[in-house]
Protein backbone atom coordinates (compact mmCIF):
# COMPACT_ATOMS: atom_id res chain seq x y z
CA UNK A 1 0.00 0.00 0.00
CA UNK A 2 1.49 3.32 -1.06
CA UNK A 3 2.21 5.82 1.60
CA UNK A 4 0.17 8.96 1.54
CA UNK A 5 1.95 12.09 0.46
CA UNK A 6 2.83 14.52 3.20
CA UNK A 7 1.46 18.05 3.29
CA UNK A 8 2.69 20.19 0.43
CA UNK A 9 4.11 23.65 0.63
CA UNK A 10 1.70 25.91 2.46
CA UNK A 11 -0.24 22.96 3.93
CA UNK A 12 -0.20 22.13 7.61
CA UNK A 13 -0.19 18.80 9.37
CA UNK A 14 -1.67 19.11 12.83
CA UNK A 15 -1.68 15.37 13.68
CA UNK A 16 1.10 14.50 16.09
CA UNK A 17 3.25 17.44 15.03
CA UNK A 18 3.95 21.09 15.75
CA UNK A 19 1.76 23.96 14.74
CA UNK A 20 3.15 26.07 11.90
CA UNK A 21 5.49 28.97 12.60
CA UNK A 22 2.98 31.67 11.72
CA UNK A 23 5.41 34.48 12.47
CA UNK A 24 8.83 33.68 10.97
CA UNK A 25 11.61 35.63 12.65
CA UNK A 26 12.85 36.97 9.31
CA UNK A 27 9.60 38.92 8.91
CA UNK A 28 9.94 40.62 12.29
CA UNK A 29 12.45 42.73 14.12
CA UNK A 30 12.81 41.97 17.81
CA UNK A 31 13.44 45.04 19.98
CA UNK A 32 16.26 43.88 22.23
CA UNK A 33 18.76 46.76 22.31
CA UNK A 34 18.48 48.16 25.81
CA UNK A 35 20.84 51.13 25.46
CA UNK A 36 19.58 52.45 22.11
CA UNK A 37 19.87 56.23 21.88
CA UNK A 38 16.50 57.98 21.44
CA UNK A 39 15.94 58.83 17.77
CA UNK A 40 13.19 60.88 16.13
CA UNK A 41 12.34 61.23 12.45
CA UNK A 42 13.02 64.68 11.03
CA UNK A 43 9.75 65.04 9.09
CA UNK A 44 7.50 64.79 12.15
CA UNK A 45 9.92 67.00 14.11
CA UNK A 46 9.56 69.68 11.44
CA UNK A 47 5.76 69.64 11.11
CA UNK A 48 2.97 69.57 13.74
CA UNK A 49 1.48 66.11 13.32
CA UNK A 50 0.83 65.25 16.97
CA UNK A 51 -1.72 66.85 19.27
CA UNK A 52 -0.55 68.92 22.23
CA UNK A 53 -3.90 68.53 23.97
CA UNK A 54 -4.31 66.44 27.11
CA UNK A 55 -7.94 65.75 26.16
CA UNK A 56 -9.21 63.81 23.13
CA UNK A 57 -8.51 66.06 20.12
CA UNK A 58 -10.93 65.21 17.31
CA UNK A 59 -10.26 68.26 15.15
CA UNK A 60 -8.86 67.83 11.65
CA UNK A 61 -5.51 69.60 11.34
CA UNK A 62 -4.58 71.22 8.02
CA UNK A 63 -1.05 72.64 7.80
CA UNK A 64 0.94 74.12 4.91
CA UNK A 65 4.48 75.51 5.01
CA UNK A 66 7.06 76.09 2.28
CA UNK A 67 5.27 73.88 -0.22
CA UNK A 68 4.64 71.04 2.19
CA UNK A 69 1.09 70.03 3.05
CA UNK A 70 -0.10 67.91 5.96
CA UNK A 71 -3.65 67.01 6.89
CA UNK A 72 -4.14 64.97 10.05
CA UNK A 73 -7.49 63.29 10.57
CA UNK A 74 -8.14 61.77 14.01
CA UNK A 75 -10.26 58.74 14.84
CA UNK A 76 -13.15 58.80 17.29
CA UNK A 77 -10.53 58.28 20.02
CA UNK A 78 -8.79 61.51 19.05
CA UNK A 79 -5.56 62.48 17.32
CA UNK A 80 -2.33 60.83 18.44
CA UNK A 81 -0.63 62.97 21.07
CA UNK A 82 2.97 64.06 21.50
CA UNK A 83 3.20 61.56 24.39
CA UNK A 84 1.88 58.77 22.13
CA UNK A 85 4.85 59.55 19.90
CA UNK A 86 7.10 57.95 22.53
CA UNK A 87 6.16 54.60 20.99
CA UNK A 88 7.41 55.67 17.56
CA UNK A 89 10.59 57.15 19.05
CA UNK A 90 11.27 53.85 20.82
CA UNK A 91 10.71 51.87 17.61
CA UNK A 92 12.87 54.21 15.52
CA UNK A 93 15.62 54.08 18.16
CA UNK A 94 15.66 50.27 18.12
CA UNK A 95 15.71 50.12 14.32
CA UNK A 96 18.50 52.68 13.97
CA UNK A 97 20.67 50.95 16.59
CA UNK A 98 20.24 47.65 14.73
CA UNK A 99 20.86 49.26 11.36
CA UNK A 100 24.09 50.84 12.61
CA UNK A 101 25.14 47.43 13.96
CA UNK A 102 24.63 45.82 10.56
CA UNK A 103 21.53 43.83 11.51
CA UNK A 104 18.55 43.24 9.25
CA UNK A 105 15.45 45.20 10.18
CA UNK A 106 11.76 45.10 9.34
CA UNK A 107 8.94 47.59 9.69
CA UNK A 108 7.12 45.02 11.83
CA UNK A 109 8.60 44.98 15.30
CA UNK A 110 8.07 42.82 18.37
CA UNK A 111 8.65 44.68 21.61
CA UNK A 112 8.21 44.11 25.30
CA UNK A 113 5.79 46.58 26.80
CA UNK A 114 7.81 46.81 30.02
CA UNK A 115 11.00 47.73 28.12
CA UNK A 116 9.15 50.46 26.22
CA UNK A 117 7.75 51.93 29.42
CA UNK A 118 11.16 51.95 31.10
CA UNK A 119 12.97 53.40 28.07
CA UNK A 120 10.47 56.26 27.80
CA UNK A 121 10.56 57.07 31.54
CA UNK A 122 7.03 55.86 32.32
CA UNK A 123 5.89 54.01 35.39
CA UNK A 124 5.09 50.32 35.03
CA UNK A 125 1.85 50.14 36.98
CA UNK A 126 -1.27 48.47 35.62
CA UNK A 127 -2.70 51.82 34.51
CA UNK A 128 0.38 52.44 32.36
CA UNK A 129 -0.36 49.34 30.29
CA UNK A 130 -3.92 50.52 29.80
CA UNK A 131 -2.72 53.94 28.65
CA UNK A 132 -0.22 52.24 26.36
CA UNK A 133 -3.00 50.34 24.64
CA UNK A 134 -4.96 53.58 24.20
CA UNK A 135 -1.87 55.17 22.64
CA UNK A 136 -1.61 52.33 20.12
CA UNK A 137 -5.25 52.85 19.20
CA UNK A 138 -4.77 56.58 18.61
CA UNK A 139 -1.61 56.02 16.56
CA UNK A 140 -3.33 53.47 14.34
CA UNK A 141 -6.49 55.57 14.01
CA UNK A 142 -4.78 58.87 13.16
CA UNK A 143 -4.59 59.27 9.38
CA UNK A 144 -2.04 61.43 7.59
CA UNK A 145 -2.39 62.92 4.12
CA UNK A 146 0.83 64.60 3.07
CA UNK A 147 3.38 65.30 0.36
CA UNK A 148 6.29 65.25 2.83
CA UNK A 149 9.59 63.84 1.64
CA UNK A 150 11.27 60.95 3.39
CA UNK A 151 14.22 59.00 2.10
CA UNK A 152 14.51 61.16 -1.01
CA UNK A 153 10.95 60.42 -2.16
CA UNK A 154 8.05 62.86 -2.18
CA UNK A 155 4.75 61.08 -1.69
CA UNK A 156 1.23 62.45 -1.59
CA UNK A 157 -0.71 59.72 0.14
CA UNK A 158 -2.79 58.79 3.12
CA UNK A 159 -1.69 56.39 5.85
CA UNK A 160 -1.80 55.76 9.57
CA UNK A 161 1.10 56.56 11.84
CA UNK A 162 1.29 52.82 12.44
CA UNK A 163 -0.24 50.31 10.08
CA UNK A 164 -1.17 47.70 12.65
CA UNK A 165 -0.57 46.56 16.21
CA UNK A 166 -1.43 43.44 18.14
CA UNK A 167 -1.07 42.23 21.70
CA UNK A 168 0.64 38.91 21.26
CA UNK A 169 0.84 37.72 24.87
CA UNK A 170 -0.66 38.50 28.23
CA UNK A 171 0.26 37.37 31.70
CA UNK A 172 -2.23 35.55 33.91
CA UNK A 173 -3.28 38.83 35.41
CA UNK A 174 -4.20 40.18 32.00
CA UNK A 175 -1.27 42.60 31.77
CA UNK A 176 0.17 43.34 28.33
CA UNK A 177 3.57 41.67 28.03
CA UNK A 178 4.58 42.08 24.39
CA UNK A 179 3.12 43.51 21.23
CA UNK A 180 3.84 43.60 17.52
CA UNK A 181 3.79 46.93 15.72
CA UNK A 182 3.90 47.54 11.98
CA UNK A 183 5.16 51.03 11.15
CA UNK A 184 3.92 52.94 8.12
CA UNK A 185 6.02 52.60 4.98
CA UNK A 186 6.54 56.38 5.14
CA UNK A 187 8.12 56.21 8.58
CA UNK A 188 10.15 53.09 7.80
CA UNK A 189 11.58 54.78 4.71
CA UNK A 190 12.80 57.62 6.92
CA UNK A 191 14.65 55.07 9.06
CA UNK A 192 16.26 53.41 6.04
CA UNK A 193 17.40 56.84 4.79
CA UNK A 194 18.65 57.68 8.31
CA UNK A 195 16.55 60.86 8.25
CA UNK A 196 16.56 60.91 12.05
CA UNK A 197 18.08 62.93 14.86
CA UNK A 198 19.25 61.86 18.30
CA UNK A 199 17.28 63.22 21.25
CA UNK A 200 18.38 63.83 24.80
CA UNK A 201 17.17 61.10 27.15
CA UNK A 202 15.81 63.92 29.31
CA UNK A 203 13.22 64.55 26.57
CA UNK A 204 11.11 61.86 28.22
CA UNK A 205 11.25 63.81 31.48
CA UNK A 206 9.47 66.80 29.95
CA UNK A 207 5.95 66.76 31.34
CA UNK A 208 4.23 69.48 29.31
CA UNK A 209 3.33 68.70 25.67
CA UNK A 210 4.42 72.17 24.51
CA UNK A 211 7.85 71.73 26.12
CA UNK A 212 8.35 68.52 24.16
CA UNK A 213 7.27 70.16 20.92
CA UNK A 214 9.53 73.19 21.39
CA UNK A 215 12.45 70.88 22.20
CA UNK A 216 11.80 68.99 18.95
CA UNK A 217 11.87 72.21 16.97
CA UNK A 218 15.01 73.41 18.77
CA UNK A 219 16.76 70.11 18.05
CA UNK A 220 15.65 70.14 14.42
CA UNK A 221 16.42 73.78 13.57
CA UNK A 222 19.18 74.71 15.97
CA UNK A 223 20.78 71.29 15.97
CA UNK A 224 24.46 71.71 16.74
CA UNK A 225 24.59 75.32 15.63
CA UNK A 226 25.26 77.93 18.32
CA UNK A 227 21.81 79.49 17.88
CA UNK A 228 18.57 79.73 15.91
CA UNK A 229 16.23 82.72 15.74
CA UNK A 230 12.54 82.44 14.94
CA UNK A 231 9.55 84.74 15.25
CA UNK A 232 6.88 83.90 17.80
CA UNK A 233 4.33 83.80 14.98
CA UNK A 234 6.27 81.20 12.98
CA UNK A 235 7.08 79.18 16.10
CA UNK A 236 3.39 79.19 17.00
CA UNK A 237 2.51 77.81 13.56
CA UNK A 238 5.24 75.16 13.55
CA UNK A 239 4.41 74.02 17.08
CA UNK A 240 0.83 73.15 16.19
CA UNK A 241 -0.49 74.97 19.24
CA UNK A 242 -4.19 75.80 19.03
CA UNK A 243 -3.93 78.51 21.69
CA UNK A 244 -4.10 82.17 20.63
CA UNK A 245 -0.69 83.70 19.90
CA UNK A 246 -0.83 85.85 23.05
CA UNK A 247 -1.44 82.73 25.20
CA UNK A 248 1.31 80.88 23.33
CA UNK A 249 3.69 83.80 23.95
CA UNK A 250 2.92 83.70 27.67
CA UNK A 251 3.61 79.95 27.72
CA UNK A 252 6.98 80.58 26.05
CA UNK A 253 7.83 83.16 28.71
CA UNK A 254 7.06 80.63 31.44
CA UNK A 255 9.21 78.10 29.59
CA UNK A 256 12.06 80.63 29.44
CA UNK A 257 11.79 81.27 33.19
CA UNK A 258 11.66 77.56 34.12
CA UNK A 259 14.48 76.57 31.71
CA UNK A 260 13.57 72.89 31.60
CA UNK A 261 14.58 72.16 28.00
CA UNK A 262 17.58 69.81 27.82
CA UNK A 263 20.55 71.10 25.81
CA UNK A 264 18.88 74.36 24.74
CA UNK A 265 18.08 77.78 26.19
CA UNK A 266 15.29 80.11 25.04
CA UNK A 267 15.52 83.89 25.15
CA UNK A 268 13.04 86.56 24.10
CA UNK A 269 14.43 89.27 21.81
CA UNK A 270 13.05 92.56 20.44
CA UNK A 271 10.83 92.22 17.39
CA UNK A 272 8.81 89.37 18.92
CA UNK A 273 11.66 86.94 18.28
CA UNK A 274 12.82 83.87 20.19
CA UNK A 275 16.50 82.97 20.21
CA UNK A 276 17.29 79.31 20.77
CA UNK A 277 20.90 78.63 21.77
CA UNK A 278 22.78 75.55 22.80
CA UNK A 279 23.67 75.32 26.47
CA UNK A 280 27.38 75.57 27.13
CA UNK A 281 28.03 77.37 23.85
CA UNK A 282 29.48 80.85 23.64
CA UNK A 283 27.43 82.82 21.13
CA UNK A 284 29.52 85.40 19.32
CA UNK A 285 28.38 88.99 19.18
CA UNK A 286 29.25 89.28 15.47
CA UNK A 287 26.30 89.12 13.07
CA UNK A 288 25.31 85.58 12.09
CA UNK A 289 25.07 84.90 8.36
CA UNK A 290 21.79 83.09 7.71
CA UNK A 291 21.61 80.67 4.81
CA UNK A 292 18.55 80.74 2.57
CA UNK A 293 15.93 77.97 3.05
CA UNK A 294 16.44 76.94 -0.60
CA UNK A 295 20.12 76.43 0.14
CA UNK A 296 19.35 73.99 2.94
CA UNK A 297 16.86 72.14 0.72
CA UNK A 298 19.54 71.80 -1.96
CA UNK A 299 21.94 70.46 0.67
CA UNK A 300 19.39 67.78 1.59
CA UNK A 301 19.31 66.69 -2.05
CA UNK A 302 23.10 66.60 -2.26
CA UNK A 303 23.38 64.50 0.91
CA UNK A 304 20.11 62.53 1.36
CA UNK A 305 19.43 61.55 4.96
CA UNK A 306 22.03 63.89 6.42
CA UNK A 307 21.23 66.43 9.15
CA UNK A 308 21.69 69.65 7.16
CA UNK A 309 21.76 71.71 10.35
CA UNK A 310 24.65 69.64 11.66
CA UNK A 311 26.36 70.10 8.28
CA UNK A 312 25.82 73.84 8.50
CA UNK A 313 27.30 73.89 12.01
CA UNK A 314 30.34 71.94 10.80
CA UNK A 315 30.77 74.33 7.86
CA UNK A 316 30.59 77.35 10.17
CA UNK A 317 33.17 75.77 12.49
CA UNK A 318 35.56 75.44 9.55
CA UNK A 319 34.95 79.10 8.72
CA UNK A 320 35.92 80.15 12.25
CA UNK A 321 39.34 78.56 12.07
CA UNK A 322 42.36 80.91 12.15
CA UNK A 323 43.12 82.35 8.73
CA UNK A 324 39.72 81.55 7.25
CA UNK A 325 38.15 84.34 5.22
CA UNK A 326 34.43 85.05 5.24
CA UNK A 327 32.87 83.97 1.92
CA UNK A 328 31.45 86.58 -0.43
CA UNK A 329 28.52 84.32 -1.21
CA UNK A 330 27.79 82.16 1.89
CA UNK A 331 25.06 80.09 0.18
CA UNK A 332 27.28 79.21 -2.79
CA UNK A 333 30.23 78.51 -0.49
CA UNK A 334 28.17 76.22 1.73
CA UNK A 335 26.81 74.16 -1.18
CA UNK A 336 30.30 73.82 -2.63
CA UNK A 337 31.53 72.58 0.74
CA UNK A 338 28.61 70.09 0.96
CA UNK A 339 29.42 68.72 -2.50
CA UNK A 340 33.03 68.14 -1.50
CA UNK A 341 31.88 66.64 1.79
CA UNK A 342 29.52 64.21 0.03
CA UNK A 343 32.35 62.89 -2.17
CA UNK A 344 34.51 62.28 0.87
CA UNK A 345 31.62 60.48 2.56
């Protein structure tokens, strides 16, 4: 009597054997790097995607700036908040640490809830796991329509901040132990292009949503430069604050007095300006030559994924060396330097 053929490819034998491996390791990235530096993607640092409200924010946000358009549509649970973003920062940090170590990564990650809570400076009580689940729901339900560029590609499309999430295991007490998260292709492309910036670990100690948002903008625009000046009106727009400008200005003044931002100091200047400077840096009294926005955009094209503000700071440091002459055309000089820098690698 001929033996029966075994199950073919894709078929499963459940008699006397193991269940199929439904989640092959190669399709997932396991978050297991405990000392990963906090990383944030530059696109969401630049534009106000996350809500600063502590209550469910169900308003549709429409934002346009320098040719970029973002529309954020919340779910019935409200728009994802700046504190919900901690989850994305944790995922990006894990992926970047693995990428820099030469490991293969995937936009679907498996993470331990406890590790995420610890890494983002949250308590690990039962309520924290409940709030974590609510954060996942807001992230998945918040829809983005944008033409923002990540990884050298401009896309006009709609997507969620995360594509999917799933609790994969619970303890006997019902506590979330680990989850899988699938990031949006848009966000994963930013990771692959290394369009990210390192944050201070003290970022997670900032309690107020506006403090976190202003720190993001300071890190993005000031970077490693000695200083960055911006009008209160523009800062109000870029922050995504829904408060009137006068209320926003008062909040900035309180922020200046409390000086809680890690790495950066805020100062109010005449003309309704805010000066952001790096702590521990001596800011020269000589006039600062400001590069045109188009120049910085061109630099991004010349060196995709690079932090153009860090490049600018490096270029300025070279210009301050003994014997260096100030360029007649700073924008042209900077782009020439970037081109030479890109060839060197």
